Amino acid sequence: MTFVVLEDCIKCKYTDCVEVCPVECFHEGPNFLVIDPEECIDCALCVPECPIDAIVPEKDIPKDQLEFLQINADLASEWPEISRQKPPPPDADEWHGKPGKRALLEL
């Protein structure tokens, strides 16, 4: 099992989660973070650090977001690792909880 970053992270991209990861399995894109399922050790340390609850265990992915399991796997191999917290985008709070952000994912 792995943990997965879901749609809610798009345009919010809080990075509180990355500093607690003992294996540095987070990867950063322009407006989203992903978890590399090959590196994740299922420790769950990142889950309570996410201020918008955008990280879930693979078994708890909502049915309408199952594509994010593959999105995380695919983009983790393309995007660079991130292991230090950075400031969120200036408008991150405005995007929190907004539905339908999948189309806004920047590759």
PDB file of N, CA and C in Angstrom:
ATOM      1  N   MET A   1       0.835  -1.185   0.000  1.00  0.00           N
ATOM      2  CA  MET A   1       0.000   0.000   0.000  1.00  0.00           C
ATOM      3  C   MET A   1       0.881   1.250   0.000  1.00  0.00           C
ATOM      4  N   THR A   2       0.355   2.289  -0.556  1.00  0.00           N
ATOM      5  CA  THR A   2       1.038   3.570  -0.589  1.00  0.00           C
ATOM      6  C   THR A   2       0.063   4.657  -0.166  1.00  0.00           C
ATOM      7  N   PHE A   3       0.566   5.840   0.021  1.00  0.00           N
ATOM      8  CA  PHE A   3      -0.279   7.000   0.256  1.00  0.00           C
ATOM      9  C   PHE A   3      -0.334   7.798  -1.031  1.00  0.00           C
ATOM     10  N   VAL A   4      -1.432   8.528  -1.211  1.00  0.00           N
ATOM     11  CA  VAL A   4      -1.692   9.202  -2.470  1.00  0.00           C
ATOM     12  C   VAL A   4      -2.106  10.650  -2.203  1.00  0.00           C
ATOM     13  N   VAL A   5      -1.568  11.563  -2.993  1.00  0.00           N
ATOM     14  CA  VAL A   5      -1.982  12.964  -2.936  1.00  0.00           C
ATOM     15  C   VAL A   5      -3.153  13.124  -3.901  1.00  0.00           C
ATOM     16  N   LEU A   6      -4.243  13.693  -3.392  1.00  0.00           N
ATOM     17  CA  LEU A   6      -5.469  13.819  -4.176  1.00  0.00           C
ATOM     18  C   LEU A   6      -5.641  15.210  -4.779  1.00  0.00           C
ATOM     19  N   GLU A   7      -6.720  15.361  -5.507  1.00  0.00           N
ATOM     20  CA  GLU A   7      -7.048  16.577  -6.251  1.00  0.00           C
ATOM     21  C   GLU A   7      -7.017  17.848  -5.403  1.00  0.00           C
ATOM     22  N   ASP A   8      -7.371  17.758  -4.146  1.00  0.00           N
ATOM     23  CA  ASP A   8      -7.423  18.953  -3.302  1.00  0.00           C
ATOM     24  C   ASP A   8      -6.079  19.680  -3.232  1.00  0.00           C
ATOM     25  N   CYS A   9      -4.984  18.988  -3.468  1.00  0.00           N
ATOM     26  CA  CYS A   9      -3.653  19.612  -3.428  1.00  0.00           C
ATOM     27  C   CYS A   9      -3.411  20.550  -4.608  1.00  0.00           C
ATOM     28  N   ILE A  10      -4.099  20.329  -5.711  1.00  0.00           N
ATOM     29  CA  ILE A  10      -3.885  21.157  -6.899  1.00  0.00           C
ATOM     30  C   ILE A  10      -4.171  22.619  -6.567  1.00  0.00           C
ATOM     31  N   LYS A  11      -3.228  23.470  -6.887  1.00  0.00           N
ATOM     32  CA  LYS A  11      -3.261  24.917  -6.668  1.00  0.00           C
ATOM     33  C   LYS A  11      -3.119  25.306  -5.192  1.00  0.00           C
ATOM     34  N   CYS A  12      -3.149  24.364  -4.271  1.00  0.00           N
ATOM     35  CA  CYS A  12      -2.902  24.666  -2.852  1.00  0.00           C
ATOM     36  C   CYS A  12      -1.427  24.398  -2.547  1.00  0.00           C
ATOM     37  N   LYS A  13      -0.979  23.203  -2.879  1.00  0.00           N
ATOM     38  CA  LYS A  13       0.415  22.768  -2.769  1.00  0.00           C
ATOM     39  C   LYS A  13       1.105  23.212  -1.469  1.00  0.00           C
ATOM     40  N   TYR A  14       0.463  22.904  -0.355  1.00  0.00           N
ATOM     41  CA  TYR A  14       1.134  23.099   0.931  1.00  0.00           C
ATOM     42  C   TYR A  14       2.211  22.033   1.036  1.00  0.00           C
ATOM     43  N   THR A  15       3.359  22.379   1.569  1.00  0.00           N
ATOM     44  CA  THR A  15       4.471  21.428   1.618  1.00  0.00           C
ATOM     45  C   THR A  15       4.831  21.015   3.041  1.00  0.00           C
ATOM     46  N   ASP A  16       3.907  21.191   3.971  1.00  0.00           N
ATOM     47  CA  ASP A  16       4.143  20.783   5.358  1.00  0.00           C
ATOM     48  C   ASP A  16       4.512  19.297   5.437  1.00  0.00           C
ATOM     49  N   CYS A  17       3.940  18.508   4.556  1.00  0.00           N
ATOM     50  CA  CYS A  17       4.090  17.056   4.562  1.00  0.00           C
ATOM     51  C   CYS A  17       5.498  16.575   4.222  1.00  0.00           C
ATOM     52  N   VAL A  18       6.215  17.320   3.402  1.00  0.00           N
ATOM     53  CA  VAL A  18       7.475  16.798   2.870  1.00  0.00           C
ATOM     54  C   VAL A  18       8.584  16.684   3.913  1.00  0.00           C
ATOM     55  N   GLU A  19       8.586  17.560   4.884  1.00  0.00           N
ATOM     56  CA  GLU A  19       9.680  17.542   5.876  1.00  0.00           C
ATOM     57  C   GLU A  19       9.622  16.352   6.817  1.00  0.00           C
ATOM     58  N   VAL A  20       8.453  15.771   7.010  1.00  0.00           N
ATOM     59  CA  VAL A  20       8.337  14.641   7.939  1.00  0.00           C
ATOM     60  C   VAL A  20       8.569  13.292   7.262  1.00  0.00           C
ATOM     61  N   CYS A  21       8.670  13.298   5.946  1.00  0.00           N
ATOM     62  CA  CYS A  21       8.834  12.040   5.218  1.00  0.00           C
ATOM     63  C   CYS A  21      10.250  11.489   5.418  1.00  0.00           C
ATOM     64  N   PRO A  22      10.370  10.298   6.007  1.00  0.00           N
ATOM     65  CA  PRO A  22      11.702   9.751   6.283  1.00  0.00           C
ATOM     66  C   PRO A  22      12.423   9.204   5.043  1.00  0.00           C
ATOM     67  N   VAL A  23      11.686   9.037   3.933  1.00  0.00           N
ATOM     68  CA  VAL A  23      12.316   8.478   2.739  1.00  0.00           C
ATOM     69  C   VAL A  23      12.270   9.428   1.545  1.00  0.00           C
ATOM     70  N   GLU A  24      11.852  10.661   1.768  1.00  0.00           N
ATOM     71  CA  GLU A  24      11.823  11.686   0.724  1.00  0.00           C
ATOM     72  C   GLU A  24      11.123  11.198  -0.541  1.00  0.00           C
ATOM     73  N   CYS A  25       9.883  10.744  -0.372  1.00  0.00           N
ATOM     74  CA  CYS A  25       9.142  10.200  -1.514  1.00  0.00           C
ATOM     75  C   CYS A  25       8.231  11.219  -2.191  1.00  0.00           C
ATOM     76  N   PHE A  26       8.267  12.481  -1.759  1.00  0.00           N
ATOM     77  CA  PHE A  26       7.454  13.508  -2.397  1.00  0.00           C
ATOM     78  C   PHE A  26       8.185  14.111  -3.592  1.00  0.00           C
ATOM     79  N   HIS A  27       7.413  14.436  -4.604  1.00  0.00           N
ATOM     80  CA  HIS A  27       7.930  15.081  -5.806  1.00  0.00           C
ATOM     81  C   HIS A  27       7.054  16.286  -6.086  1.00  0.00           C
ATOM     82  N   GLU A  28       7.697  17.358  -6.600  1.00  0.00           N
ATOM     83  CA  GLU A  28       7.007  18.627  -6.763  1.00  0.00           C
ATOM     84  C   GLU A  28       6.851  19.020  -8.223  1.00  0.00           C
ATOM     85  N   GLY A  29       5.615  19.387  -8.562  1.00  0.00           N
ATOM     86  CA  GLY A  29       5.329  19.945  -9.870  1.00  0.00           C
ATOM     87  C   GLY A  29       4.959  21.413  -9.718  1.00  0.00           C
ATOM     88  N   PRO A  30       4.551  22.054 -10.794  1.00  0.00           N
ATOM     89  CA  PRO A  30       4.249  23.479 -10.744  1.00  0.00           C
ATOM     90  C   PRO A  30       3.166  23.862  -9.730  1.00  0.00           C
ATOM     91  N   ASN A  31       2.114  23.041  -9.600  1.00  0.00           N
ATOM     92  CA  ASN A  31       1.035  23.398  -8.678  1.00  0.00           C
ATOM     93  C   ASN A  31       0.455  22.204  -7.927  1.00  0.00           C
ATOM     94  N   PHE A  32       1.284  21.177  -7.722  1.00  0.00           N
ATOM     95  CA  PHE A  32       0.794  19.926  -7.123  1.00  0.00           C
ATOM     96  C   PHE A  32       1.987  19.130  -6.599  1.00  0.00           C
ATOM     97  N   LEU A  33       1.755  18.333  -5.587  1.00  0.00           N
ATOM     98  CA  LEU A  33       2.757  17.390  -5.085  1.00  0.00           C
ATOM     99  C   LEU A  33       2.268  15.977  -5.363  1.00  0.00           C
ATOM    100  N   VAL A  34       3.199  15.046  -5.506  1.00  0.00           N
ATOM    101  CA  VAL A  34       2.846  13.634  -5.641  1.00  0.00           C
ATOM    102  C   VAL A  34       3.743  12.796  -4.746  1.00  0.00           C
ATOM    103  N   ILE A  35       3.284  11.599  -4.462  1.00  0.00           N
ATOM    104  CA  ILE A  35       4.052  10.624  -3.688  1.00  0.00           C
ATOM    105  C   ILE A  35       4.461   9.495  -4.624  1.00  0.00           C
ATOM    106  N   ASP A  36       5.729   9.154  -4.604  1.00  0.00           N
ATOM    107  CA  ASP A  36       6.216   8.026  -5.393  1.00  0.00           C
ATOM    108  C   ASP A  36       5.831   6.735  -4.680  1.00  0.00           C
ATOM    109  N   PRO A  37       4.963   5.922  -5.278  1.00  0.00           N
ATOM    110  CA  PRO A  37       4.520   4.698  -4.601  1.00  0.00           C
ATOM    111  C   PRO A  37       5.637   3.671  -4.422  1.00  0.00           C
ATOM    112  N   GLU A  38       6.690   3.791  -5.219  1.00  0.00           N
ATOM    113  CA  GLU A  38       7.822   2.868  -5.087  1.00  0.00           C
ATOM    114  C   GLU A  38       8.703   3.237  -3.897  1.00  0.00           C
ATOM    115  N   GLU A  39       8.684   4.488  -3.488  1.00  0.00           N
ATOM    116  CA  GLU A  39       9.514   4.954  -2.376  1.00  0.00           C
ATOM    117  C   GLU A  39       8.763   5.020  -1.053  1.00  0.00           C
ATOM    118  N   CYS A  40       7.452   5.198  -1.110  1.00  0.00           N
ATOM    119  CA  CYS A  40       6.638   5.349   0.102  1.00  0.00           C
ATOM    120  C   CYS A  40       6.706   4.078   0.951  1.00  0.00           C
ATOM    121  N   ILE A  41       6.942   4.262   2.244  1.00  0.00           N
ATOM    122  CA  ILE A  41       7.037   3.116   3.152  1.00  0.00           C
ATOM    123  C   ILE A  41       5.800   2.988   4.044  1.00  0.00           C
ATOM    124  N   ASP A  42       4.744   3.708   3.699  1.00  0.00           N
ATOM    125  CA  ASP A  42       3.462   3.602   4.394  1.00  0.00           C
ATOM    126  C   ASP A  42       3.526   3.991   5.873  1.00  0.00           C
ATOM    127  N   CYS A  43       4.366   4.943   6.182  1.00  0.00           N
ATOM    128  CA  CYS A  43       4.511   5.329   7.589  1.00  0.00           C
ATOM    129  C   CYS A  43       3.391   6.241   8.077  1.00  0.00           C
ATOM    130  N   ALA A  44       2.719   6.936   7.159  1.00  0.00           N
ATOM    131  CA  ALA A  44       1.583   7.818   7.455  1.00  0.00           C
ATOM    132  C   ALA A  44       1.961   9.108   8.178  1.00  0.00           C
ATOM    133  N   LEU A  45       3.238   9.408   8.300  1.00  0.00           N
ATOM    134  CA  LEU A  45       3.639  10.638   8.991  1.00  0.00           C
ATOM    135  C   LEU A  45       3.154  11.889   8.259  1.00  0.00           C
ATOM    136  N   CYS A  46       3.003  11.810   6.961  1.00  0.00           N
ATOM    137  CA  CYS A  46       2.604  12.969   6.170  1.00  0.00           C
ATOM    138  C   CYS A  46       1.124  13.316   6.325  1.00  0.00           C
ATOM    139  N   VAL A  47       0.308  12.342   6.612  1.00  0.00           N
ATOM    140  CA  VAL A  47      -1.141  12.548   6.626  1.00  0.00           C
ATOM    141  C   VAL A  47      -1.572  13.660   7.585  1.00  0.00           C
ATOM    142  N   PRO A  48      -1.185  13.627   8.849  1.00  0.00           N
ATOM    143  CA  PRO A  48      -1.641  14.693   9.742  1.00  0.00           C
ATOM    144  C   PRO A  48      -0.991  16.051   9.468  1.00  0.00           C
ATOM    145  N   GLU A  49       0.084  16.072   8.691  1.00  0.00           N
ATOM    146  CA  GLU A  49       0.758  17.331   8.381  1.00  0.00           C
ATOM    147  C   GLU A  49       0.064  18.115   7.274  1.00  0.00           C
ATOM    148  N   CYS A  50      -0.739  17.458   6.469  1.00  0.00           N
ATOM    149  CA  CYS A  50      -1.410  18.125   5.355  1.00  0.00           C
ATOM    150  C   CYS A  50      -2.576  18.957   5.897  1.00  0.00           C
ATOM    151  N   PRO A  51      -2.508  20.283   5.769  1.00  0.00           N
ATOM    152  CA  PRO A  51      -3.554  21.128   6.337  1.00  0.00           C
ATOM    153  C   PRO A  51      -4.894  21.056   5.605  1.00  0.00           C
ATOM    154  N   ILE A  52      -4.922  20.395   4.448  1.00  0.00           N
ATOM    155  CA  ILE A  52      -6.172  20.299   3.695  1.00  0.00           C
ATOM    156  C   ILE A  52      -6.634  18.856   3.498  1.00  0.00           C
ATOM    157  N   ASP A  53      -6.012  17.932   4.212  1.00  0.00           N
ATOM    158  CA  ASP A  53      -6.395  16.515   4.155  1.00  0.00           C
ATOM    159  C   ASP A  53      -6.383  15.950   2.732  1.00  0.00           C
ATOM    160  N   ALA A  54      -5.351  16.287   1.982  1.00  0.00           N
ATOM    161  CA  ALA A  54      -5.251  15.838   0.592  1.00  0.00           C
ATOM    162  C   ALA A  54      -4.434  14.564   0.432  1.00  0.00           C
ATOM    163  N   ILE A  55      -4.006  13.945   1.531  1.00  0.00           N
ATOM    164  CA  ILE A  55      -3.210  12.720   1.456  1.00  0.00           C
ATOM    165  C   ILE A  55      -3.992  11.597   2.138  1.00  0.00           C
ATOM    166  N   VAL A  56      -4.165  10.500   1.415  1.00  0.00           N
ATOM    167  CA  VAL A  56      -4.910   9.363   1.959  1.00  0.00           C
ATOM    168  C   VAL A  56      -4.194   8.060   1.631  1.00  0.00           C
ATOM    169  N   PRO A  57      -4.473   7.014   2.413  1.00  0.00           N
ATOM    170  CA  PRO A  57      -3.952   5.700   2.036  1.00  0.00           C
ATOM    171  C   PRO A  57      -4.622   5.235   0.741  1.00  0.00           C
ATOM    172  N   GLU A  58      -3.914   4.465  -0.017  1.00  0.00           N
ATOM    173  CA  GLU A  58      -4.427   3.950  -1.291  1.00  0.00           C
ATOM    174  C   GLU A  58      -5.812   3.320  -1.135  1.00  0.00           C
ATOM    175  N   LYS A  59      -6.021   2.600  -0.071  1.00  0.00           N
ATOM    176  CA  LYS A  59      -7.306   1.907   0.127  1.00  0.00           C
ATOM    177  C   LYS A  59      -8.463   2.861   0.400  1.00  0.00           C
ATOM    178  N   ASP A  60      -8.176   4.110   0.726  1.00  0.00           N
ATOM    179  CA  ASP A  60      -9.226   5.080   1.051  1.00  0.00           C
ATOM    180  C   ASP A  60      -9.436   6.146  -0.019  1.00  0.00           C
ATOM    181  N   ILE A  61      -8.892   5.931  -1.209  1.00  0.00           N
ATOM    182  CA  ILE A  61      -9.090   6.907  -2.286  1.00  0.00           C
ATOM    183  C   ILE A  61     -10.573   6.917  -2.653  1.00  0.00           C
ATOM    184  N   PRO A  62     -11.182   8.098  -2.665  1.00  0.00           N
ATOM    185  CA  PRO A  62     -12.588   8.158  -3.107  1.00  0.00           C
ATOM    186  C   PRO A  62     -12.708   7.673  -4.555  1.00  0.00           C
ATOM    187  N   LYS A  63     -13.808   7.034  -4.860  1.00  0.00           N
ATOM    188  CA  LYS A  63     -13.992   6.459  -6.197  1.00  0.00           C
ATOM    189  C   LYS A  63     -13.820   7.491  -7.314  1.00  0.00           C
ATOM    190  N   ASP A  64     -14.234   8.726  -7.063  1.00  0.00           N
ATOM    191  CA  ASP A  64     -14.128   9.745  -8.109  1.00  0.00           C
ATOM    192  C   ASP A  64     -12.706  10.291  -8.268  1.00  0.00           C
ATOM    193  N   GLN A  65     -11.770   9.770  -7.460  1.00  0.00           N
ATOM    194  CA  GLN A  65     -10.385  10.236  -7.550  1.00  0.00           C
ATOM    195  C   GLN A  65      -9.390   9.093  -7.727  1.00  0.00           C
ATOM    196  N   LEU A  66      -9.873   7.946  -8.131  1.00  0.00           N
ATOM    197  CA  LEU A  66      -8.986   6.792  -8.316  1.00  0.00           C
ATOM    198  C   LEU A  66      -7.862   7.059  -9.310  1.00  0.00           C
ATOM    199  N   GLU A  67      -8.091   7.945 -10.269  1.00  0.00           N
ATOM    200  CA  GLU A  67      -7.050   8.253 -11.249  1.00  0.00           C
ATOM    201  C   GLU A  67      -5.802   8.852 -10.601  1.00  0.00           C
ATOM    202  N   PHE A  68      -5.933   9.388  -9.390  1.00  0.00           N
ATOM    203  CA  PHE A  68      -4.788  10.020  -8.740  1.00  0.00           C
ATOM    204  C   PHE A  68      -3.742   9.010  -8.273  1.00  0.00           C
ATOM    205  N   LEU A  69      -4.101   7.762  -8.133  1.00  0.00           N
ATOM    206  CA  LEU A  69      -3.100   6.731  -7.837  1.00  0.00           C
ATOM    207  C   LEU A  69      -2.108   6.663  -9.001  1.00  0.00           C
ATOM    208  N   GLN A  70      -2.612   6.611 -10.217  1.00  0.00           N
ATOM    209  CA  GLN A  70      -1.742   6.547 -11.396  1.00  0.00           C
ATOM    210  C   GLN A  70      -1.058   7.888 -11.650  1.00  0.00           C
ATOM    211  N   ILE A  71      -1.753   8.985 -11.423  1.00  0.00           N
ATOM    212  CA  ILE A  71      -1.159  10.312 -11.599  1.00  0.00           C
ATOM    213  C   ILE A  71       0.059  10.464 -10.691  1.00  0.00           C
ATOM    214  N   ASN A  72      -0.068  10.063  -9.418  1.00  0.00           N
ATOM    215  CA  ASN A  72       1.063  10.140  -8.492  1.00  0.00           C
ATOM    216  C   ASN A  72       2.223   9.303  -9.006  1.00  0.00           C
ATOM    217  N   ALA A  73       1.950   8.078  -9.423  1.00  0.00           N
ATOM    218  CA  ALA A  73       3.017   7.184  -9.899  1.00  0.00           C
ATOM    219  C   ALA A  73       3.703   7.742 -11.138  1.00  0.00           C
ATOM    220  N   ASP A  74       2.912   8.221 -12.080  1.00  0.00           N
ATOM    221  CA  ASP A  74       3.482   8.722 -13.334  1.00  0.00           C
ATOM    222  C   ASP A  74       4.308   9.992 -13.119  1.00  0.00           C
ATOM    223  N   LEU A  75       3.762  10.947 -12.390  1.00  0.00           N
ATOM    224  CA  LEU A  75       4.449  12.228 -12.241  1.00  0.00           C
ATOM    225  C   LEU A  75       5.649  12.142 -11.301  1.00  0.00           C
ATOM    226  N   ALA A  76       5.647  11.197 -10.377  1.00  0.00           N
ATOM    227  CA  ALA A  76       6.797  11.037  -9.478  1.00  0.00           C
ATOM    228  C   ALA A  76       8.056  10.694 -10.260  1.00  0.00           C
ATOM    229  N   SER A  77       7.895  10.018 -11.369  1.00  0.00           N
ATOM    230  CA  SER A  77       9.076   9.667 -12.170  1.00  0.00           C
ATOM    231  C   SER A  77       9.541  10.841 -13.038  1.00  0.00           C
ATOM    232  N   GLU A  78       8.728  11.875 -13.173  1.00  0.00           N
ATOM    233  CA  GLU A  78       9.086  13.024 -14.006  1.00  0.00           C
ATOM    234  C   GLU A  78       9.511  14.243 -13.195  1.00  0.00           C
ATOM    235  N   TRP A  79       8.925  14.419 -12.037  1.00  0.00           N
ATOM    236  CA  TRP A  79       9.155  15.630 -11.245  1.00  0.00           C
ATOM    237  C   TRP A  79      10.278  15.427 -10.235  1.00  0.00           C
ATOM    238  N   PRO A  80      10.957  16.507  -9.834  1.00  0.00           N
ATOM    239  CA  PRO A  80      12.050  16.398  -8.857  1.00  0.00           C
ATOM    240  C   PRO A  80      11.537  16.157  -7.440  1.00  0.00           C
ATOM    241  N   GLU A  81      12.378  15.520  -6.641  1.00  0.00           N
ATOM    242  CA  GLU A  81      12.060  15.315  -5.223  1.00  0.00           C
ATOM    243  C   GLU A  81      11.995  16.653  -4.501  1.00  0.00           C
ATOM    244  N   ILE A  82      11.195  16.684  -3.459  1.00  0.00           N
ATOM    245  CA  ILE A  82      11.150  17.835  -2.571  1.00  0.00           C
ATOM    246  C   ILE A  82      11.212  17.302  -1.146  1.00  0.00           C
ATOM    247  N   SER A  83      12.083  17.875  -0.331  1.00  0.00           N
ATOM    248  CA  SER A  83      12.223  17.404   1.048  1.00  0.00           C
ATOM    249  C   SER A  83      12.201  18.531   2.068  1.00  0.00           C
ATOM    250  N   ARG A  84      12.074  19.762   1.587  1.00  0.00           N
ATOM    251  CA  ARG A  84      12.028  20.920   2.490  1.00  0.00           C
ATOM    252  C   ARG A  84      10.749  21.703   2.253  1.00  0.00           C
ATOM    253  N   GLN A  85      10.176  22.167   3.326  1.00  0.00           N
ATOM    254  CA  GLN A  85       8.957  22.948   3.239  1.00  0.00           C
ATOM    255  C   GLN A  85       9.218  24.284   2.551  1.00  0.00           C
ATOM    256  N   LYS A  86       8.279  24.686   1.717  1.00  0.00           N
ATOM    257  CA  LYS A  86       8.321  25.964   1.019  1.00  0.00           C
ATOM    258  C   LYS A  86       7.017  26.696   1.315  1.00  0.00           C
ATOM    259  N   PRO A  87       6.999  27.994   1.126  1.00  0.00           N
ATOM    260  CA  PRO A  87       5.733  28.709   1.290  1.00  0.00           C
ATOM    261  C   PRO A  87       4.721  28.241   0.238  1.00  0.00           C
ATOM    262  N   PRO A  88       3.449  28.168   0.601  1.00  0.00           N
ATOM    263  CA  PRO A  88       2.439  27.794  -0.392  1.00  0.00           C
ATOM    264  C   PRO A  88       2.224  28.944  -1.375  1.00  0.00           C
ATOM    265  N   PRO A  89       1.561  28.673  -2.478  1.00  0.00           N
ATOM    266  CA  PRO A  89       1.226  29.764  -3.393  1.00  0.00           C
ATOM    267  C   PRO A  89       0.404  30.832  -2.658  1.00  0.00           C
ATOM    268  N   PRO A  90       0.520  32.083  -3.050  1.00  0.00           N
ATOM    269  CA  PRO A  90      -0.168  33.157  -2.338  1.00  0.00           C
ATOM    270  C   PRO A  90      -1.689  32.986  -2.281  1.00  0.00           C
ATOM    271  N   ASP A  91      -2.266  32.318  -3.278  1.00  0.00           N
ATOM    272  CA  ASP A  91      -3.721  32.140  -3.302  1.00  0.00           C
ATOM    273  C   ASP A  91      -4.163  30.737  -2.875  1.00  0.00           C
ATOM    274  N   ALA A  92      -3.298  30.006  -2.200  1.00  0.00           N
ATOM    275  CA  ALA A  92      -3.598  28.624  -1.812  1.00  0.00           C
ATOM    276  C   ALA A  92      -4.889  28.502  -1.011  1.00  0.00           C
ATOM    277  N   ASP A  93      -5.095  29.377  -0.051  1.00  0.00           N
ATOM    278  CA  ASP A  93      -6.294  29.290   0.783  1.00  0.00           C
ATOM    279  C   ASP A  93      -7.575  29.463  -0.039  1.00  0.00           C
ATOM    280  N   GLU A  94      -7.508  30.251  -1.098  1.00  0.00           N
ATOM    281  CA  GLU A  94      -8.679  30.462  -1.949  1.00  0.00           C
ATOM    282  C   GLU A  94      -9.069  29.197  -2.713  1.00  0.00           C
ATOM    283  N   TRP A  95      -8.104  28.316  -2.963  1.00  0.00           N
ATOM    284  CA  TRP A  95      -8.358  27.092  -3.725  1.00  0.00           C
ATOM    285  C   TRP A  95      -8.752  25.909  -2.856  1.00  0.00           C
ATOM    286  N   HIS A  96      -8.553  26.022  -1.562  1.00  0.00           N
ATOM    287  CA  HIS A  96      -8.852  24.905  -0.661  1.00  0.00           C
ATOM    288  C   HIS A  96     -10.328  24.513  -0.744  1.00  0.00           C
ATOM    289  N   GLY A  97     -10.560  23.232  -0.982  1.00  0.00           N
ATOM    290  CA  GLY A  97     -11.908  22.687  -0.990  1.00  0.00           C
ATOM    291  C   GLY A  97     -12.702  22.901  -2.264  1.00  0.00           C
ATOM    292  N   LYS A  98     -12.133  23.580  -3.236  1.00  0.00           N
ATOM    293  CA  LYS A  98     -12.861  23.788  -4.485  1.00  0.00           C
ATOM    294  C   LYS A  98     -12.856  22.493  -5.288  1.00  0.00           C
ATOM    295  N   PRO A  99     -14.003  22.063  -5.767  1.00  0.00           N
ATOM    296  CA  PRO A  99     -14.066  20.831  -6.556  1.00  0.00           C
ATOM    297  C   PRO A  99     -13.638  21.074  -8.001  1.00  0.00           C
ATOM    298  N   GLY A 100     -13.385  19.989  -8.697  1.00  0.00           N
ATOM    299  CA  GLY A 100     -13.101  20.060 -10.125  1.00  0.00           C
ATOM    300  C   GLY A 100     -11.784  20.695 -10.491  1.00  0.00           C
ATOM    301  N   LYS A 101     -10.766  20.513  -9.687  1.00  0.00           N
ATOM    302  CA  LYS A 101      -9.471  21.133  -9.966  1.00  0.00           C
ATOM    303  C   LYS A 101      -8.589  20.269 -10.876  1.00  0.00           C
ATOM    304  N   ARG A 102      -9.006  19.078 -11.219  1.00  0.00           N
ATOM    305  CA  ARG A 102      -8.182  18.168 -12.029  1.00  0.00           C
ATOM    306  C   ARG A 102      -7.706  18.834 -13.317  1.00  0.00           C
ATOM    307  N   ALA A 103      -8.585  19.595 -13.962  1.00  0.00           N
ATOM    308  CA  ALA A 103      -8.237  20.244 -15.228  1.00  0.00           C
ATOM    309  C   ALA A 103      -7.182  21.336 -15.039  1.00  0.00           C
ATOM    310  N   LEU A 104      -6.953  21.752 -13.807  1.00  0.00           N
ATOM    311  CA  LEU A 104      -5.981  22.812 -13.521  1.00  0.00           C
ATOM    312  C   LEU A 104      -4.580  22.274 -13.227  1.00  0.00           C
ATOM    313  N   LEU A 105      -4.434  20.955 -13.190  1.00  0.00           N
ATOM    314  CA  LEU A 105      -3.131  20.346 -12.905  1.00  0.00           C
ATOM    315  C   LEU A 105      -2.140  20.714 -14.007  1.00  0.00           C
ATOM    316  N   GLU A 106      -1.053  21.374 -13.592  1.00  0.00           N
ATOM    317  CA  GLU A 106      -0.012  21.770 -14.535  1.00  0.00           C
ATOM    318  C   GLU A 106       1.071  20.701 -14.586  1.00  0.00           C
ATOM    319  N   LEU A 107       1.393  20.279 -15.776  1.00  0.00           N
ATOM    320  CA  LEU A 107       2.422  19.276 -15.952  1.00  0.00           C
ATOM    321  C   LEU A 107       3.713  19.957 -16.285  1.00  0.00           C
TER     322      LEU A 107
END
